Amino acid sequence: MPYRTDRIEHLLGEGVRDKVYPGAVWAVGDSGGVRARGVTGVLDP
């Protein structure tokens, strides 16, 4: 089963752009481990 993260990435991108949660770190996974991960807005705007 493929994992789609585009909605999560879009939500995080908007939040960082709007300075809701700068420096957000996220991961998507299940009991088998992390399937996708990323860091957005590493530096506070």
N, C-alpha and C. Protein backbone atom coordinates (compact mmCIF):
# COMPACT_ATOMS: atom_id res chain seq x y z
N MET A 1 0.84 -1.18 0.00
CA MET A 1 0.00 0.00 0.00
C MET A 1 0.89 1.24 0.00
N PRO A 2 0.78 2.08 -1.00
CA PRO A 2 1.61 3.28 -1.04
C PRO A 2 1.12 4.33 -0.04
N TYR A 3 2.05 5.08 0.51
CA TYR A 3 1.71 6.13 1.46
C TYR A 3 1.79 7.47 0.76
N ARG A 4 0.74 8.26 0.90
CA ARG A 4 0.70 9.59 0.28
C ARG A 4 0.90 10.63 1.37
N THR A 5 1.88 11.47 1.18
CA THR A 5 2.19 12.49 2.18
C THR A 5 1.94 13.89 1.66
N ASP A 6 1.42 14.03 0.43
CA ASP A 6 1.27 15.35 -0.15
C ASP A 6 0.34 16.25 0.67
N ARG A 7 -0.72 15.71 1.25
CA ARG A 7 -1.62 16.53 2.07
C ARG A 7 -0.91 17.01 3.33
N ILE A 8 -0.14 16.13 3.95
CA ILE A 8 0.60 16.50 5.15
C ILE A 8 1.63 17.56 4.81
N GLU A 9 2.36 17.35 3.72
CA GLU A 9 3.37 18.32 3.31
C GLU A 9 2.75 19.67 3.03
N HIS A 10 1.59 19.68 2.38
CA HIS A 10 0.90 20.94 2.07
C HIS A 10 0.47 21.64 3.37
N LEU A 11 -0.11 20.90 4.29
CA LEU A 11 -0.54 21.47 5.56
C LEU A 11 0.64 22.06 6.33
N LEU A 12 1.73 21.31 6.40
CA LEU A 12 2.91 21.81 7.10
C LEU A 12 3.50 23.02 6.40
N GLY A 13 3.53 22.98 5.07
CA GLY A 13 4.05 24.12 4.31
C GLY A 13 3.27 25.39 4.59
N GLU A 14 1.94 25.27 4.63
CA GLU A 14 1.10 26.43 4.94
C GLU A 14 1.34 26.92 6.36
N GLY A 15 1.44 26.01 7.29
CA GLY A 15 1.66 26.40 8.69
C GLY A 15 2.98 27.11 8.88
N VAL A 16 4.02 26.61 8.25
CA VAL A 16 5.33 27.24 8.37
C VAL A 16 5.31 28.60 7.67
N ARG A 17 4.70 28.66 6.49
CA ARG A 17 4.61 29.92 5.76
C ARG A 17 3.86 30.97 6.58
N ASP A 18 2.80 30.55 7.24
CA ASP A 18 1.99 31.46 8.04
C ASP A 18 2.54 31.63 9.45
N LYS A 19 3.70 31.05 9.71
CA LYS A 19 4.40 31.15 11.00
C LYS A 19 3.59 30.56 12.15
N VAL A 20 2.84 29.51 11.85
CA VAL A 20 2.06 28.85 12.89
C VAL A 20 2.96 27.95 13.72
N TYR A 21 3.82 27.19 13.05
CA TYR A 21 4.73 26.31 13.76
C TYR A 21 6.07 26.24 13.04
N PRO A 22 6.86 27.31 13.14
CA PRO A 22 8.18 27.29 12.49
C PRO A 22 9.05 26.20 13.11
N GLY A 23 9.86 25.62 12.30
CA GLY A 23 10.75 24.57 12.78
C GLY A 23 10.05 23.23 12.95
N ALA A 24 8.97 23.01 12.22
CA ALA A 24 8.22 21.76 12.35
C ALA A 24 9.02 20.58 11.82
N VAL A 25 8.97 19.49 12.55
CA VAL A 25 9.57 18.23 12.13
C VAL A 25 8.44 17.22 12.10
N TRP A 26 8.37 16.42 11.06
CA TRP A 26 7.27 15.47 10.95
C TRP A 26 7.77 14.12 10.47
N ALA A 27 6.97 13.13 10.75
CA ALA A 27 7.25 11.77 10.28
C ALA A 27 5.92 11.04 10.11
N VAL A 28 5.88 10.16 9.13
CA VAL A 28 4.70 9.34 8.87
C VAL A 28 5.16 7.90 8.90
N GLY A 29 4.44 7.07 9.63
CA GLY A 29 4.85 5.68 9.68
C GLY A 29 3.81 4.81 10.36
N ASP A 30 4.22 3.60 10.60
CA ASP A 30 3.36 2.64 11.28
C ASP A 30 4.25 1.71 12.08
N SER A 31 3.71 0.59 12.52
CA SER A 31 4.50 -0.32 13.34
C SER A 31 5.71 -0.88 12.60
N GLY A 32 5.71 -0.79 11.27
CA GLY A 32 6.83 -1.26 10.47
C GLY A 32 7.97 -0.25 10.38
N GLY A 33 7.73 0.96 10.87
CA GLY A 33 8.77 1.98 10.84
C GLY A 33 8.32 3.25 10.14
N VAL A 34 9.24 4.17 10.04
CA VAL A 34 8.97 5.46 9.41
C VAL A 34 8.92 5.28 7.90
N ARG A 35 7.89 5.80 7.26
CA ARG A 35 7.71 5.70 5.81
C ARG A 35 8.15 6.98 5.10
N ALA A 36 8.00 8.10 5.76
CA ALA A 36 8.39 9.39 5.19
C ALA A 36 8.70 10.33 6.34
N ARG A 37 9.61 11.26 6.10
CA ARG A 37 9.95 12.22 7.15
C ARG A 37 10.47 13.49 6.50
N GLY A 38 10.48 14.54 7.25
CA GLY A 38 10.98 15.80 6.71
C GLY A 38 11.08 16.86 7.77
N VAL A 39 11.71 17.93 7.38
CA VAL A 39 11.86 19.09 8.25
C VAL A 39 11.50 20.29 7.40
N THR A 40 10.64 21.13 7.92
CA THR A 40 10.29 22.35 7.21
C THR A 40 10.50 23.53 8.13
N GLY A 41 10.92 24.63 7.57
CA GLY A 41 11.10 25.83 8.38
C GLY A 41 12.10 25.64 9.49
N VAL A 42 13.26 25.11 9.17
CA VAL A 42 14.27 24.81 10.18
C VAL A 42 14.63 26.06 10.98
N LEU A 43 14.70 27.20 10.32
CA LEU A 43 15.01 28.45 11.01
C LEU A 43 13.73 29.23 11.24
N ASP A 44 13.59 29.78 12.43
CA ASP A 44 12.41 30.60 12.70
C ASP A 44 12.42 31.82 11.79
N PRO A 45 11.27 32.14 11.20
CA PRO A 45 11.21 33.30 10.29
C PRO A 45 11.38 34.62 11.03
